[in-house]
Amino acid sequence: MANTKSAKKRAEKSILQRDRNRALRSRMRTAVKRLRNAAAAGDAPLVETLLPGTISAVDATAQKGVVHKNAAARTKSRLVAAARKAGANA
């Protein structure tokens, strides 16, 4: 456990940041999963409505530094490819 006042504050802030990061990562993963499931089912209208929000969630997660920017770019690229394959106008 932290001994100094600054170390205690840092430990507390780290916990808060971890919770924030977990929430952002979870939001991104859920959005990606919904889009992939819709694309796999071939539901083009649903894919078209989900794609902008999913890309936004991935971008926000990368901007906050929760995931690496290249990982976010790779994810977006694969999502758009899956959307096109499902017949959406991505």
PDB file of N, CA and C in Angstrom:
ATOM      1  N   MET A   1       0.842  -1.183   0.000  1.00  0.00           N
ATOM      2  CA  MET A   1       0.000   0.000   0.000  1.00  0.00           C
ATOM      3  C   MET A   1       0.878   1.234   0.000  1.00  0.00           C
ATOM      4  N   ALA A   2       0.374   2.304  -0.584  1.00  0.00           N
ATOM      5  CA  ALA A   2       1.114   3.560  -0.680  1.00  0.00           C
ATOM      6  C   ALA A   2       1.329   4.168   0.698  1.00  0.00           C
ATOM      7  N   ASN A   3       2.502   4.775   0.909  1.00  0.00           N
ATOM      8  CA  ASN A   3       2.838   5.363   2.202  1.00  0.00           C
ATOM      9  C   ASN A   3       2.702   6.878   2.205  1.00  0.00           C
ATOM     10  N   THR A   4       3.131   7.518   1.144  1.00  0.00           N
ATOM     11  CA  THR A   4       3.091   8.985   1.115  1.00  0.00           C
ATOM     12  C   THR A   4       1.741   9.464   0.598  1.00  0.00           C
ATOM     13  N   LYS A   5       1.464  10.729   0.871  1.00  0.00           N
ATOM     14  CA  LYS A   5       0.198  11.316   0.450  1.00  0.00           C
ATOM     15  C   LYS A   5       0.081  11.318  -1.073  1.00  0.00           C
ATOM     16  N   SER A   6       1.164  11.659  -1.761  1.00  0.00           N
ATOM     17  CA  SER A   6       1.128  11.709  -3.227  1.00  0.00           C
ATOM     18  C   SER A   6       0.963  10.315  -3.826  1.00  0.00           C
ATOM     19  N   ALA A   7       1.572   9.314  -3.197  1.00  0.00           N
ATOM     20  CA  ALA A   7       1.437   7.946  -3.695  1.00  0.00           C
ATOM     21  C   ALA A   7       0.012   7.434  -3.497  1.00  0.00           C
ATOM     22  N   LYS A   8      -0.604   7.815  -2.391  1.00  0.00           N
ATOM     23  CA  LYS A   8      -1.993   7.418  -2.138  1.00  0.00           C
ATOM     24  C   LYS A   8      -2.917   8.049  -3.173  1.00  0.00           C
ATOM     25  N   LYS A   9      -2.680   9.337  -3.460  1.00  0.00           N
ATOM     26  CA  LYS A   9      -3.497  10.029  -4.458  1.00  0.00           C
ATOM     27  C   LYS A   9      -3.308   9.381  -5.829  1.00  0.00           C
ATOM     28  N   ARG A  10      -2.080   9.063  -6.173  1.00  0.00           N
ATOM     29  CA  ARG A  10      -1.783   8.442  -7.469  1.00  0.00           C
ATOM     30  C   ARG A  10      -2.470   7.085  -7.586  1.00  0.00           C
ATOM     31  N   ALA A  11      -2.453   6.309  -6.504  1.00  0.00           N
ATOM     32  CA  ALA A  11      -3.098   4.999  -6.513  1.00  0.00           C
ATOM     33  C   ALA A  11      -4.605   5.138  -6.712  1.00  0.00           C
ATOM     34  N   GLU A  12      -5.191   6.128  -6.063  1.00  0.00           N
ATOM     35  CA  GLU A  12      -6.624   6.376  -6.197  1.00  0.00           C
ATOM     36  C   GLU A  12      -6.971   6.796  -7.622  1.00  0.00           C
ATOM     37  N   LYS A  13      -6.160   7.685  -8.183  1.00  0.00           N
ATOM     38  CA  LYS A  13      -6.398   8.144  -9.555  1.00  0.00           C
ATOM     39  C   LYS A  13      -6.213   7.005 -10.555  1.00  0.00           C
ATOM     40  N   SER A  14      -5.274   6.116 -10.290  1.00  0.00           N
ATOM     41  CA  SER A  14      -5.051   4.980 -11.179  1.00  0.00           C
ATOM     42  C   SER A  14      -6.273   4.071 -11.226  1.00  0.00           C
ATOM     43  N   ILE A  15      -6.893   3.884 -10.072  1.00  0.00           N
ATOM     44  CA  ILE A  15      -8.097   3.048 -10.015  1.00  0.00           C
ATOM     45  C   ILE A  15      -9.221   3.683 -10.824  1.00  0.00           C
ATOM     46  N   LEU A  16      -9.404   4.990 -10.677  1.00  0.00           N
ATOM     47  CA  LEU A  16     -10.439   5.690 -11.431  1.00  0.00           C
ATOM     48  C   LEU A  16     -10.182   5.605 -12.936  1.00  0.00           C
ATOM     49  N   GLN A  17      -8.927   5.788 -13.326  1.00  0.00           N
ATOM     50  CA  GLN A  17      -8.568   5.728 -14.738  1.00  0.00           C
ATOM     51  C   GLN A  17      -8.773   4.327 -15.297  1.00  0.00           C
ATOM     52  N   ARG A  18      -8.437   3.306 -14.486  1.00  0.00           N
ATOM     53  CA  ARG A  18      -8.631   1.928 -14.918  1.00  0.00           C
ATOM     54  C   ARG A  18     -10.111   1.672 -15.195  1.00  0.00           C
ATOM     55  N   ASP A  19     -10.973   2.158 -14.292  1.00  0.00           N
ATOM     56  CA  ASP A  19     -12.415   1.977 -14.478  1.00  0.00           C
ATOM     57  C   ASP A  19     -12.903   2.678 -15.743  1.00  0.00           C
ATOM     58  N   ARG A  20     -12.384   3.888 -15.988  1.00  0.00           N
ATOM     59  CA  ARG A  20     -12.754   4.636 -17.185  1.00  0.00           C
ATOM     60  C   ARG A  20     -12.303   3.884 -18.441  1.00  0.00           C
ATOM     61  N   ASN A  21     -11.072   3.375 -18.412  1.00  0.00           N
ATOM     62  CA  ASN A  21     -10.544   2.629 -19.552  1.00  0.00           C
ATOM     63  C   ASN A  21     -11.354   1.362 -19.806  1.00  0.00           C
ATOM     64  N   ARG A  22     -11.715   0.671 -18.727  1.00  0.00           N
ATOM     65  CA  ARG A  22     -12.503  -0.549 -18.883  1.00  0.00           C
ATOM     66  C   ARG A  22     -13.847  -0.249 -19.527  1.00  0.00           C
ATOM     67  N   ALA A  23     -14.474   0.845 -19.092  1.00  0.00           N
ATOM     68  CA  ALA A  23     -15.778   1.213 -19.649  1.00  0.00           C
ATOM     69  C   ALA A  23     -15.663   1.529 -21.141  1.00  0.00           C
ATOM     70  N   LEU A  24     -14.644   2.289 -21.502  1.00  0.00           N
ATOM     71  CA  LEU A  24     -14.455   2.640 -22.920  1.00  0.00           C
ATOM     72  C   LEU A  24     -14.162   1.400 -23.764  1.00  0.00           C
ATOM     73  N   ARG A  25     -13.293   0.535 -23.254  1.00  0.00           N
ATOM     74  CA  ARG A  25     -12.939  -0.680 -23.993  1.00  0.00           C
ATOM     75  C   ARG A  25     -14.163  -1.577 -24.145  1.00  0.00           C
ATOM     76  N   SER A  26     -14.954  -1.679 -23.100  1.00  0.00           N
ATOM     77  CA  SER A  26     -16.160  -2.502 -23.138  1.00  0.00           C
ATOM     78  C   SER A  26     -17.167  -1.949 -24.147  1.00  0.00           C
ATOM     79  N   ARG A  27     -17.331  -0.622 -24.150  1.00  0.00           N
ATOM     80  CA  ARG A  27     -18.247   0.017 -25.090  1.00  0.00           C
ATOM     81  C   ARG A  27     -17.819  -0.260 -26.529  1.00  0.00           C
ATOM     82  N   MET A  28     -16.508  -0.167 -26.772  1.00  0.00           N
ATOM     83  CA  MET A  28     -15.985  -0.415 -28.110  1.00  0.00           C
ATOM     84  C   MET A  28     -16.199  -1.872 -28.510  1.00  0.00           C
ATOM     85  N   ARG A  29     -15.855  -2.788 -27.622  1.00  0.00           N
ATOM     86  CA  ARG A  29     -15.969  -4.209 -27.950  1.00  0.00           C
ATOM     87  C   ARG A  29     -17.421  -4.612 -28.202  1.00  0.00           C
ATOM     88  N   THR A  30     -18.333  -4.066 -27.421  1.00  0.00           N
ATOM     89  CA  THR A  30     -19.751  -4.371 -27.612  1.00  0.00           C
ATOM     90  C   THR A  30     -20.230  -3.864 -28.964  1.00  0.00           C
ATOM     91  N   ALA A  31     -19.840  -2.649 -29.324  1.00  0.00           N
ATOM     92  CA  ALA A  31     -20.242  -2.082 -30.613  1.00  0.00           C
ATOM     93  C   ALA A  31     -19.678  -2.911 -31.768  1.00  0.00           C
ATOM     94  N   VAL A  32     -18.420  -3.304 -31.643  1.00  0.00           N
ATOM     95  CA  VAL A  32     -17.776  -4.110 -32.690  1.00  0.00           C
ATOM     96  C   VAL A  32     -18.476  -5.463 -32.818  1.00  0.00           C
ATOM     97  N   LYS A  33     -18.803  -6.064 -31.680  1.00  0.00           N
ATOM     98  CA  LYS A  33     -19.458  -7.369 -31.690  1.00  0.00           C
ATOM     99  C   LYS A  33     -20.837  -7.289 -32.347  1.00  0.00           C
ATOM    100  N   ARG A  34     -21.595  -6.235 -32.034  1.00  0.00           N
ATOM    101  CA  ARG A  34     -22.924  -6.065 -32.640  1.00  0.00           C
ATOM    102  C   ARG A  34     -22.824  -5.932 -34.154  1.00  0.00           C
ATOM    103  N   LEU A  35     -21.850  -5.135 -34.594  1.00  0.00           N
ATOM    104  CA  LEU A  35     -21.685  -4.929 -36.038  1.00  0.00           C
ATOM    105  C   LEU A  35     -21.248  -6.218 -36.725  1.00  0.00           C
ATOM    106  N   ARG A  36     -20.319  -6.932 -36.131  1.00  0.00           N
ATOM    107  CA  ARG A  36     -19.853  -8.193 -36.739  1.00  0.00           C
ATOM    108  C   ARG A  36     -20.978  -9.220 -36.819  1.00  0.00           C
ATOM    109  N   ASN A  37     -21.803  -9.286 -35.768  1.00  0.00           N
ATOM    110  CA  ASN A  37     -22.928 -10.226 -35.794  1.00  0.00           C
ATOM    111  C   ASN A  37     -23.932  -9.852 -36.875  1.00  0.00           C
ATOM    112  N   ALA A  38     -24.203  -8.567 -37.020  1.00  0.00           N
ATOM    113  CA  ALA A  38     -25.136  -8.117 -38.060  1.00  0.00           C
ATOM    114  C   ALA A  38     -24.569  -8.410 -39.449  1.00  0.00           C
ATOM    115  N   ALA A  39     -23.269  -8.196 -39.619  1.00  0.00           N
ATOM    116  CA  ALA A  39     -22.632  -8.457 -40.912  1.00  0.00           C
ATOM    117  C   ALA A  39     -22.642  -9.951 -41.227  1.00  0.00           C
ATOM    118  N   ALA A  40     -22.397 -10.772 -40.215  1.00  0.00           N
ATOM    119  CA  ALA A  40     -22.393 -12.219 -40.423  1.00  0.00           C
ATOM    120  C   ALA A  40     -23.795 -12.721 -40.792  1.00  0.00           C
ATOM    121  N   ALA A  41     -24.818 -12.065 -40.246  1.00  0.00           N
ATOM    122  CA  ALA A  41     -26.194 -12.445 -40.556  1.00  0.00           C
ATOM    123  C   ALA A  41     -26.637 -11.890 -41.910  1.00  0.00           C
ATOM    124  N   GLY A  42     -25.846 -10.972 -42.470  1.00  0.00           N
ATOM    125  CA  GLY A  42     -26.178 -10.393 -43.769  1.00  0.00           C
ATOM    126  C   GLY A  42     -27.272  -9.335 -43.696  1.00  0.00           C
ATOM    127  N   ASP A  43     -27.438  -8.727 -42.547  1.00  0.00           N
ATOM    128  CA  ASP A  43     -28.466  -7.704 -42.341  1.00  0.00           C
ATOM    129  C   ASP A  43     -27.911  -6.336 -42.748  1.00  0.00           C
ATOM    130  N   ALA A  44     -27.947  -6.046 -44.041  1.00  0.00           N
ATOM    131  CA  ALA A  44     -27.332  -4.826 -44.579  1.00  0.00           C
ATOM    132  C   ALA A  44     -27.907  -3.534 -43.994  1.00  0.00           C
ATOM    133  N   PRO A  45     -29.220  -3.399 -43.837  1.00  0.00           N
ATOM    134  CA  PRO A  45     -29.736  -2.142 -43.256  1.00  0.00           C
ATOM    135  C   PRO A  45     -29.249  -1.901 -41.830  1.00  0.00           C
ATOM    136  N   LEU A  46     -29.199  -2.968 -41.026  1.00  0.00           N
ATOM    137  CA  LEU A  46     -28.714  -2.836 -39.654  1.00  0.00           C
ATOM    138  C   LEU A  46     -27.231  -2.490 -39.644  1.00  0.00           C
ATOM    139  N   VAL A  47     -26.472  -3.094 -40.530  1.00  0.00           N
ATOM    140  CA  VAL A  47     -25.039  -2.810 -40.622  1.00  0.00           C
ATOM    141  C   VAL A  47     -24.822  -1.335 -40.951  1.00  0.00           C
ATOM    142  N   GLU A  48     -25.619  -0.818 -41.888  1.00  0.00           N
ATOM    143  CA  GLU A  48     -25.463   0.584 -42.281  1.00  0.00           C
ATOM    144  C   GLU A  48     -25.770   1.539 -41.132  1.00  0.00           C
ATOM    145  N   THR A  49     -26.703   1.171 -40.270  1.00  0.00           N
ATOM    146  CA  THR A  49     -27.021   2.049 -39.137  1.00  0.00           C
ATOM    147  C   THR A  49     -25.996   1.918 -38.018  1.00  0.00           C
ATOM    148  N   LEU A  50     -25.426   0.728 -37.836  1.00  0.00           N
ATOM    149  CA  LEU A  50     -24.464   0.498 -36.750  1.00  0.00           C
ATOM    150  C   LEU A  50     -23.055   0.993 -37.074  1.00  0.00           C
ATOM    151  N   LEU A  51     -22.686   0.995 -38.348  1.00  0.00           N
ATOM    152  CA  LEU A  51     -21.305   1.301 -38.730  1.00  0.00           C
ATOM    153  C   LEU A  51     -20.799   2.661 -38.249  1.00  0.00           C
ATOM    154  N   PRO A  52     -21.512   3.761 -38.447  1.00  0.00           N
ATOM    155  CA  PRO A  52     -20.971   5.056 -38.001  1.00  0.00           C
ATOM    156  C   PRO A  52     -20.729   5.123 -36.491  1.00  0.00           C
ATOM    157  N   GLY A  53     -21.655   4.593 -35.722  1.00  0.00           N
ATOM    158  CA  GLY A  53     -21.496   4.605 -34.272  1.00  0.00           C
ATOM    159  C   GLY A  53     -20.348   3.736 -33.805  1.00  0.00           C
ATOM    160  N   THR A  54     -20.172   2.613 -34.475  1.00  0.00           N
ATOM    161  CA  THR A  54     -19.088   1.705 -34.114  1.00  0.00           C
ATOM    162  C   THR A  54     -17.737   2.333 -34.426  1.00  0.00           C
ATOM    163  N   ILE A  55     -17.618   2.947 -35.584  1.00  0.00           N
ATOM    164  CA  ILE A  55     -16.363   3.605 -35.949  1.00  0.00           C
ATOM    165  C   ILE A  55     -16.070   4.745 -34.988  1.00  0.00           C
ATOM    166  N   SER A  56     -17.101   5.460 -34.587  1.00  0.00           N
ATOM    167  CA  SER A  56     -16.938   6.539 -33.618  1.00  0.00           C
ATOM    168  C   SER A  56     -16.432   6.005 -32.279  1.00  0.00           C
ATOM    169  N   ALA A  57     -16.980   4.876 -31.844  1.00  0.00           N
ATOM    170  CA  ALA A  57     -16.552   4.271 -30.579  1.00  0.00           C
ATOM    171  C   ALA A  57     -15.098   3.823 -30.649  1.00  0.00           C
ATOM    172  N   VAL A  58     -14.704   3.251 -31.774  1.00  0.00           N
ATOM    173  CA  VAL A  58     -13.320   2.806 -31.952  1.00  0.00           C
ATOM    174  C   VAL A  58     -12.383   4.009 -31.952  1.00  0.00           C
ATOM    175  N   ASP A  59     -12.764   5.065 -32.656  1.00  0.00           N
ATOM    176  CA  ASP A  59     -11.942   6.283 -32.696  1.00  0.00           C
ATOM    177  C   ASP A  59     -11.790   6.904 -31.315  1.00  0.00           C
ATOM    178  N   ALA A  60     -12.875   6.972 -30.569  1.00  0.00           N
ATOM    179  CA  ALA A  60     -12.831   7.565 -29.235  1.00  0.00           C
ATOM    180  C   ALA A  60     -11.921   6.765 -28.311  1.00  0.00           C
ATOM    181  N   THR A  61     -11.981   5.450 -28.426  1.00  0.00           N
ATOM    182  CA  THR A  61     -11.145   4.586 -27.594  1.00  0.00           C
ATOM    183  C   THR A  61      -9.669   4.776 -27.936  1.00  0.00           C
ATOM    184  N   ALA A  62      -9.372   4.927 -29.215  1.00  0.00           N
ATOM    185  CA  ALA A  62      -7.985   5.143 -29.627  1.00  0.00           C
ATOM    186  C   ALA A  62      -7.506   6.526 -29.205  1.00  0.00           C
ATOM    187  N   GLN A  63      -8.369   7.521 -29.322  1.00  0.00           N
ATOM    188  CA  GLN A  63      -7.990   8.892 -28.969  1.00  0.00           C
ATOM    189  C   GLN A  63      -7.649   9.004 -27.485  1.00  0.00           C
ATOM    190  N   LYS A  64      -8.355   8.236 -26.657  1.00  0.00           N
ATOM    191  CA  LYS A  64      -8.094   8.258 -25.218  1.00  0.00           C
ATOM    192  C   LYS A  64      -6.859   7.437 -24.844  1.00  0.00           C
ATOM    193  N   GLY A  65      -6.323   6.687 -25.809  1.00  0.00           N
ATOM    194  CA  GLY A  65      -5.124   5.898 -25.545  1.00  0.00           C
ATOM    195  C   GLY A  65      -5.410   4.540 -24.937  1.00  0.00           C
ATOM    196  N   VAL A  66      -6.669   4.126 -24.972  1.00  0.00           N
ATOM    197  CA  VAL A  66      -7.029   2.830 -24.406  1.00  0.00           C
ATOM    198  C   VAL A  66      -6.553   1.709 -25.329  1.00  0.00           C
ATOM    199  N   VAL A  67      -6.697   1.904 -26.626  1.00  0.00           N
ATOM    200  CA  VAL A  67      -6.129   0.981 -27.608  1.00  0.00           C
ATOM    201  C   VAL A  67      -5.193   1.781 -28.513  1.00  0.00           C
ATOM    202  N   HIS A  68      -4.245   1.092 -29.097  1.00  0.00           N
ATOM    203  CA  HIS A  68      -3.277   1.749 -29.972  1.00  0.00           C
ATOM    204  C   HIS A  68      -3.970   2.227 -31.244  1.00  0.00           C
ATOM    205  N   LYS A  69      -3.479   3.332 -31.802  1.00  0.00           N
ATOM    206  CA  LYS A  69      -4.124   3.906 -32.993  1.00  0.00           C
ATOM    207  C   LYS A  69      -4.082   2.950 -34.176  1.00  0.00           C
ATOM    208  N   ASN A  70      -3.015   2.164 -34.292  1.00  0.00           N
ATOM    209  CA  ASN A  70      -2.945   1.212 -35.407  1.00  0.00           C
ATOM    210  C   ASN A  70      -3.927   0.059 -35.213  1.00  0.00           C
ATOM    211  N   ALA A  71      -4.127  -0.350 -33.968  1.00  0.00           N
ATOM    212  CA  ALA A  71      -5.111  -1.400 -33.681  1.00  0.00           C
ATOM    213  C   ALA A  71      -6.507  -0.894 -34.017  1.00  0.00           C
ATOM    214  N   ALA A  72      -6.771   0.367 -33.715  1.00  0.00           N
ATOM    215  CA  ALA A  72      -8.066   0.960 -34.040  1.00  0.00           C
ATOM    216  C   ALA A  72      -8.250   1.037 -35.556  1.00  0.00           C
ATOM    217  N   ALA A  73      -7.222   1.443 -36.262  1.00  0.00           N
ATOM    218  CA  ALA A  73      -7.299   1.544 -37.722  1.00  0.00           C
ATOM    219  C   ALA A  73      -7.533   0.167 -38.346  1.00  0.00           C
ATOM    220  N   ARG A  74      -6.859  -0.839 -37.821  1.00  0.00           N
ATOM    221  CA  ARG A  74      -7.025  -2.209 -38.319  1.00  0.00           C
ATOM    222  C   ARG A  74      -8.458  -2.692 -38.069  1.00  0.00           C
ATOM    223  N   THR A  75      -8.969  -2.419 -36.880  1.00  0.00           N
ATOM    224  CA  THR A  75     -10.337  -2.820 -36.541  1.00  0.00           C
ATOM    225  C   THR A  75     -11.345  -2.156 -37.470  1.00  0.00           C
ATOM    226  N   LYS A  76     -11.189  -0.845 -37.678  1.00  0.00           N
ATOM    227  CA  LYS A  76     -12.110  -0.120 -38.557  1.00  0.00           C
ATOM    228  C   LYS A  76     -12.046  -0.664 -39.981  1.00  0.00           C
ATOM    229  N   SER A  77     -10.846  -0.953 -40.449  1.00  0.00           N
ATOM    230  CA  SER A  77     -10.680  -1.471 -41.800  1.00  0.00           C
ATOM    231  C   SER A  77     -11.407  -2.807 -41.962  1.00  0.00           C
ATOM    232  N   ARG A  78     -11.262  -3.662 -40.983  1.00  0.00           N
ATOM    233  CA  ARG A  78     -11.910  -4.977 -41.049  1.00  0.00           C
ATOM    234  C   ARG A  78     -13.425  -4.857 -40.938  1.00  0.00           C
ATOM    235  N   LEU A  79     -13.882  -3.898 -40.142  1.00  0.00           N
ATOM    236  CA  LEU A  79     -15.326  -3.705 -40.002  1.00  0.00           C
ATOM    237  C   LEU A  79     -15.943  -3.211 -41.307  1.00  0.00           C
ATOM    238  N   VAL A  80     -15.275  -2.265 -41.957  1.00  0.00           N
ATOM    239  CA  VAL A  80     -15.784  -1.737 -43.225  1.00  0.00           C
ATOM    240  C   VAL A  80     -15.777  -2.834 -44.285  1.00  0.00           C
ATOM    241  N   ALA A  81     -14.734  -3.666 -44.293  1.00  0.00           N
ATOM    242  CA  ALA A  81     -14.670  -4.769 -45.249  1.00  0.00           C
ATOM    243  C   ALA A  81     -15.811  -5.750 -45.004  1.00  0.00           C
ATOM    244  N   ALA A  82     -16.096  -6.042 -43.748  1.00  0.00           N
ATOM    245  CA  ALA A  82     -17.195  -6.959 -43.412  1.00  0.00           C
ATOM    246  C   ALA A  82     -18.533  -6.342 -43.794  1.00  0.00           C
ATOM    247  N   ALA A  83     -18.661  -5.021 -43.597  1.00  0.00           N
ATOM    248  CA  ALA A  83     -19.905  -4.346 -43.964  1.00  0.00           C
ATOM    249  C   ALA A  83     -20.129  -4.396 -45.475  1.00  0.00           C
ATOM    250  N   ARG A  84     -19.095  -4.183 -46.225  1.00  0.00           N
ATOM    251  CA  ARG A  84     -19.222  -4.237 -47.695  1.00  0.00           C
ATOM    252  C   ARG A  84     -19.581  -5.651 -48.141  1.00  0.00           C
ATOM    253  N   LYS A  85     -18.970  -6.622 -47.506  1.00  0.00           N
ATOM    254  CA  LYS A  85     -19.249  -8.017 -47.859  1.00  0.00           C
ATOM    255  C   LYS A  85     -20.711  -8.367 -47.546  1.00  0.00           C
ATOM    256  N   ALA A  86     -21.256  -7.747 -46.490  1.00  0.00           N
ATOM    257  CA  ALA A  86     -22.649  -7.991 -46.107  1.00  0.00           C
ATOM    258  C   ALA A  86     -23.625  -7.271 -47.041  1.00  0.00           C
ATOM    259  N   GLY A  87     -23.094  -6.402 -47.896  1.00  0.00           N
ATOM    260  CA  GLY A  87     -23.942  -5.709 -48.854  1.00  0.00           C
ATOM    261  C   GLY A  87     -24.314  -4.308 -48.450  1.00  0.00           C
ATOM    262  N   ALA A  88     -23.675  -3.787 -47.409  1.00  0.00           N
ATOM    263  CA  ALA A  88     -23.967  -2.416 -46.973  1.00  0.00           C
ATOM    264  C   ALA A  88     -23.179  -1.430 -47.825  1.00  0.00           C
ATOM    265  N   ASN A  89     -23.701  -0.228 -47.962  1.00  0.00           N
ATOM    266  CA  ASN A  89     -23.012   0.814 -48.718  1.00  0.00           C
ATOM    267  C   ASN A  89     -22.050   1.565 -47.785  1.00  0.00           C
ATOM    268  N   ALA A  90     -20.961   0.889 -47.426  1.00  0.00           N
ATOM    269  CA  ALA A  90     -20.012   1.482 -46.475  1.00  0.00           C
ATOM    270  C   ALA A  90     -19.002   2.355 -47.183  1.00  0.00           C
TER     271      ALA A  90
END
